[in-house]
Amino acid sequence: MTVLVRARDVRRDYPLERDAVHALRGVSLEIVKGEYLAIVGPSGCGKSSLLNLLGAIDAPTSGTVEIEGRNVGTLGDREVTEFRLKHIGFVFQRFYLLPILTARENVELPMAEAGVPPAERRRRSAELLRYVDLGDRARHRPSQLSGGEQQRVAIARALANRPSLLLADEPTGELDARTGQEIISLFGRLNDDGTTVVVVTHDESLARAARRVVHMRDGEIVQDGVPHG
């Protein structure tokens, strides 16, 4: 088994005027290539802080985060931006599609930023939209799509540069139960096809669909194992 992500004794403090918020209190975690991991716990327990560190969006106050063997905390701003672009895909609760762009153009955007030639961008975006069952919506703008369709476009966009790691923060949080189940099924298919998936969620159905669940409380991991139910 190949370890894709390794966090060692990670702490993350956010300073206040007279004190600090200790969002993470010495978290250690390994994620193997091909895993499907859900991070769960009450609001304020450190789930999103941990996801931000695993995605190299934030840097730990102490400890290290390695992704594909690289200590991302030592990368400069330009290096870490390029690393995220090429190695990590992000899916968010609120989609964050650009409203003036079509579905195809939204999927192409990270490829354009990575310098992928236009012909390859068009081919790849068409392939990904078909993968998420939106091949016939390529020319639609976000306002013409349902919430579930927008989230599928966002997932296609996250996969555009063939990331080794897909991170999702409450990806079903804005969706009704039926549409949420469609997104859960899509994450399962992505993982079956070899994508390493890490989700932060309050959605019990999504957590049960993962192969491994990490429970957090007060900035620490309190349980790590297979889902129940």
Protein backbone atom coordinates (compact mmCIF):
# COMPACT_ATOMS: atom_id res chain seq x y z
CA MET A 1 0.00 0.00 0.00
CA THR A 2 1.21 3.48 -0.90
CA VAL A 3 0.73 6.25 1.65
CA LEU A 4 -0.54 9.28 -0.25
CA VAL A 5 -1.02 11.67 2.70
CA ARG A 6 0.79 11.65 6.03
CA ALA A 7 0.03 14.17 8.79
CA ARG A 8 2.31 14.03 11.83
CA ASP A 9 1.37 15.63 15.17
CA VAL A 10 -0.38 18.50 13.41
CA ARG A 11 -1.50 21.46 15.45
CA ARG A 12 -3.36 24.50 14.18
CA ASP A 13 -3.91 27.54 16.37
CA TYR A 14 -5.82 30.67 15.38
CA PRO A 15 -4.76 33.68 17.46
CA LEU A 16 -7.28 35.92 19.17
CA GLU A 17 -6.62 39.19 20.98
CA ARG A 18 -5.81 37.61 24.35
CA ASP A 19 -5.83 33.89 23.61
CA ALA A 20 -5.89 31.37 20.76
CA VAL A 21 -8.34 28.89 19.31
CA HIS A 22 -6.73 25.44 19.26
CA ALA A 23 -8.47 24.01 16.21
CA LEU A 24 -6.21 20.95 15.94
CA ARG A 25 -4.37 19.45 18.91
CA GLY A 26 -1.70 17.06 17.67
CA VAL A 27 -3.49 15.13 14.91
CA SER A 28 -1.66 12.28 13.15
CA LEU A 29 -3.25 10.59 10.14
CA GLU A 30 -2.20 8.48 7.16
CA ILE A 31 -4.28 8.11 4.01
CA VAL A 32 -3.42 5.31 1.60
CA LYS A 33 -3.74 5.74 -2.14
CA GLY A 34 -7.21 4.59 -3.25
CA GLU A 35 -8.89 5.08 0.15
CA TYR A 36 -12.35 6.55 0.68
CA LEU A 37 -12.29 8.39 4.01
CA ALA A 38 -15.00 10.39 5.79
CA ILE A 39 -14.16 12.84 8.58
CA VAL A 40 -17.08 13.42 10.94
CA GLY A 41 -17.79 15.15 14.22
CA PRO A 42 -19.72 18.06 15.76
CA SER A 43 -19.40 21.63 14.48
CA GLY A 44 -16.18 23.25 15.62
CA CYS A 45 -14.35 19.96 16.21
CA GLY A 46 -11.60 20.73 13.65
CA LYS A 47 -12.88 18.80 10.59
CA SER A 48 -12.60 21.64 8.10
CA SER A 49 -9.31 22.82 9.61
CA LEU A 50 -7.88 19.37 9.03
CA LEU A 51 -9.24 19.26 5.47
CA ASN A 52 -7.62 22.63 4.74
CA LEU A 53 -4.27 21.26 5.89
CA LEU A 54 -4.68 18.06 3.86
CA GLY A 55 -5.42 20.24 0.82
CA ALA A 56 -2.44 22.57 1.37
CA ILE A 57 -4.84 25.51 1.67
CA ASP A 58 -3.51 26.21 5.16
CA ALA A 59 -0.25 25.39 6.94
CA PRO A 60 0.02 23.80 10.39
CA THR A 61 1.18 25.81 13.40
CA SER A 62 3.39 22.81 14.16
CA GLY A 63 3.81 19.31 12.81
CA THR A 64 4.04 18.30 9.16
CA VAL A 65 1.73 17.39 6.29
CA GLU A 66 3.21 15.36 3.44
CA ILE A 67 1.32 14.74 0.19
CA GLU A 68 2.92 12.36 -2.30
CA GLY A 69 6.08 12.55 -0.21
CA ARG A 70 6.34 16.35 -0.27
CA ASN A 71 6.18 18.44 2.89
CA VAL A 72 3.66 20.98 1.61
CA GLY A 73 4.27 23.29 4.55
CA THR A 74 7.72 24.12 3.16
CA LEU A 75 6.44 25.20 -0.27
CA GLY A 76 6.35 28.89 -1.21
CA ASP A 77 3.12 30.57 -2.32
CA ARG A 78 3.68 29.97 -6.04
CA GLU A 79 4.85 26.39 -5.49
CA VAL A 80 1.93 25.44 -3.28
CA THR A 81 -0.59 27.00 -5.69
CA GLU A 82 0.86 24.96 -8.56
CA PHE A 83 0.94 21.83 -6.38
CA ARG A 84 -2.76 22.17 -5.50
CA LEU A 85 -3.67 22.81 -9.11
CA LYS A 86 -1.99 19.64 -10.34
CA HIS A 87 -2.42 17.21 -7.44
CA ILE A 88 -5.57 18.09 -5.46
CA GLY A 89 -9.20 18.47 -6.47
CA PHE A 90 -11.66 20.38 -4.28
CA VAL A 91 -15.45 20.07 -4.00
CA PHE A 92 -17.33 22.52 -1.80
CA GLN A 93 -20.80 22.73 -0.28
CA ARG A 94 -21.85 25.74 -2.38
CA PHE A 95 -20.41 24.66 -5.75
CA TYR A 96 -18.57 27.97 -6.54
CA LEU A 97 -19.17 27.75 -10.27
CA LEU A 98 -18.60 30.94 -12.25
CA PRO A 99 -22.10 32.09 -13.32
CA ILE A 100 -21.00 33.63 -16.62
CA LEU A 101 -19.37 30.40 -17.82
CA THR A 102 -21.05 27.31 -19.23
CA ALA A 103 -20.64 23.91 -17.59
CA ARG A 104 -17.94 23.03 -20.11
CA GLU A 105 -16.10 26.32 -19.54
CA ASN A 106 -16.23 25.85 -15.75
CA VAL A 107 -14.68 22.38 -16.11
CA GLU A 108 -12.03 23.72 -18.47
CA LEU A 109 -10.98 26.54 -16.14
CA PRO A 110 -8.42 24.64 -13.98
CA MET A 111 -6.97 23.07 -17.13
CA ALA A 112 -6.49 26.52 -18.66
CA GLU A 113 -4.74 27.62 -15.46
CA ALA A 114 -2.46 24.57 -15.75
CA GLY A 115 -1.56 25.40 -19.35
CA VAL A 116 -3.41 22.50 -21.00
CA PRO A 117 -3.86 23.15 -24.77
CA PRO A 118 -7.40 24.15 -25.86
CA ALA A 119 -8.09 20.99 -27.88
CA GLU A 120 -7.18 18.76 -24.93
CA ARG A 121 -9.29 20.93 -22.60
CA ARG A 122 -12.34 20.48 -24.82
CA ARG A 123 -11.81 16.73 -25.09
CA ARG A 124 -11.25 16.29 -21.35
CA SER A 125 -14.20 18.49 -20.30
CA ALA A 126 -16.54 16.57 -22.62
CA GLU A 127 -15.27 13.27 -21.19
CA LEU A 128 -15.79 14.43 -17.60
CA LEU A 129 -19.27 15.83 -18.20
CA ARG A 130 -20.28 12.51 -19.72
CA TYR A 131 -18.76 10.75 -16.69
CA VAL A 132 -21.01 12.73 -14.33
CA ASP A 133 -24.03 12.21 -16.64
CA LEU A 134 -24.16 15.80 -17.88
CA GLY A 135 -22.94 15.36 -21.44
CA ASP A 136 -26.09 17.10 -22.70
CA ARG A 137 -25.68 20.08 -20.34
CA ALA A 138 -22.25 21.27 -21.52
CA ARG A 139 -23.56 24.60 -22.85
CA HIS A 140 -25.80 25.36 -19.88
CA ARG A 141 -24.82 28.02 -17.36
CA PRO A 142 -25.15 27.36 -13.60
CA SER A 143 -28.47 29.25 -13.39
CA GLN A 144 -29.91 26.76 -15.88
CA LEU A 145 -28.87 23.75 -13.79
CA SER A 146 -30.34 22.18 -10.66
CA GLY A 147 -28.35 22.06 -7.43
CA GLY A 148 -27.40 18.43 -8.02
CA GLU A 149 -26.32 19.20 -11.59
CA GLN A 150 -24.20 22.12 -10.39
CA GLN A 151 -22.50 19.88 -7.85
CA ARG A 152 -21.77 17.31 -10.54
CA VAL A 153 -20.21 20.03 -12.69
CA ALA A 154 -18.13 21.05 -9.65
CA ILE A 155 -16.98 17.44 -9.22
CA ALA A 156 -16.05 17.24 -12.91
CA ARG A 157 -14.09 20.49 -12.51
CA ALA A 158 -12.27 19.07 -9.48
CA LEU A 159 -11.18 16.08 -11.58
CA ALA A 160 -10.03 18.14 -14.56
CA ASN A 161 -6.28 17.91 -13.93
CA ARG A 162 -6.39 14.26 -12.83
CA PRO A 163 -5.64 14.94 -9.15
CA SER A 164 -4.22 12.21 -6.94
CA LEU A 165 -6.46 13.39 -4.07
CA LEU A 166 -10.09 14.57 -4.12
CA LEU A 167 -11.24 16.56 -1.07
CA ALA A 168 -14.88 17.43 -0.44
CA ASP A 169 -16.26 19.71 2.29
CA GLU A 170 -19.94 18.97 3.03
CA PRO A 171 -20.63 18.13 -0.65
CA THR A 172 -24.27 17.16 0.02
CA GLY A 173 -24.99 19.98 2.47
CA GLU A 174 -26.98 22.14 0.00
CA LEU A 175 -28.90 19.24 -1.59
CA ASP A 176 -32.14 17.43 -0.84
CA ALA A 177 -31.98 13.78 0.21
CA ARG A 178 -32.60 12.26 -3.22
CA THR A 179 -30.09 14.51 -4.99
CA GLY A 180 -27.61 13.99 -2.16
CA GLN A 181 -27.86 10.24 -2.70
CA GLU A 182 -26.97 10.72 -6.37
CA ILE A 183 -23.81 12.60 -5.34
CA ILE A 184 -22.98 9.90 -2.78
CA SER A 185 -23.26 7.28 -5.52
CA LEU A 186 -20.98 9.34 -7.75
CA PHE A 187 -18.30 9.53 -5.03
CA GLY A 188 -18.51 5.75 -4.67
CA ARG A 189 -18.02 5.32 -8.41
CA LEU A 190 -15.06 7.70 -8.39
CA ASN A 191 -13.43 5.69 -5.61
CA ASP A 192 -14.17 2.40 -7.37
CA ASP A 193 -12.39 3.87 -10.40
CA GLY A 194 -9.27 4.56 -8.31
CA THR A 195 -9.68 8.11 -7.00
CA THR A 196 -8.59 8.74 -3.41
CA VAL A 197 -11.53 10.53 -1.76
CA VAL A 198 -11.67 12.40 1.56
CA VAL A 199 -14.97 13.99 2.63
CA VAL A 200 -15.91 16.13 5.61
CA THR A 201 -19.58 15.62 6.32
CA HIS A 202 -22.51 15.72 8.72
CA ASP A 203 -24.44 13.49 6.30
CA GLU A 204 -24.73 10.05 7.90
CA SER A 205 -25.50 8.43 4.53
CA LEU A 206 -22.32 9.83 3.02
CA ALA A 207 -20.25 8.75 6.04
CA ARG A 208 -21.64 5.21 5.82
CA ALA A 209 -20.74 5.06 2.13
CA ALA A 210 -17.06 5.68 2.91
CA ARG A 211 -14.71 2.76 3.53
CA ARG A 212 -13.17 4.39 6.61
CA VAL A 213 -14.50 6.96 9.06
CA VAL A 214 -12.45 9.25 11.31
CA HIS A 215 -14.37 10.79 14.22
CA MET A 216 -13.11 14.09 15.63
CA ARG A 217 -13.87 15.98 18.82
CA ASP A 218 -12.23 19.08 20.30
CA GLY A 219 -9.44 19.15 17.70
CA GLU A 220 -8.44 15.51 18.12
CA ILE A 221 -9.15 12.19 16.44
CA VAL A 222 -11.13 10.07 18.90
CA GLN A 223 -12.00 7.10 16.67
CA ASP A 224 -10.70 5.74 13.39
CA GLY A 225 -12.20 2.71 11.67
CA VAL A 226 -14.83 1.28 9.35
CA PRO A 227 -18.31 2.86 9.26
CA HIS A 228 -21.16 1.27 11.18
CA GLY A 229 -24.58 0.53 9.83
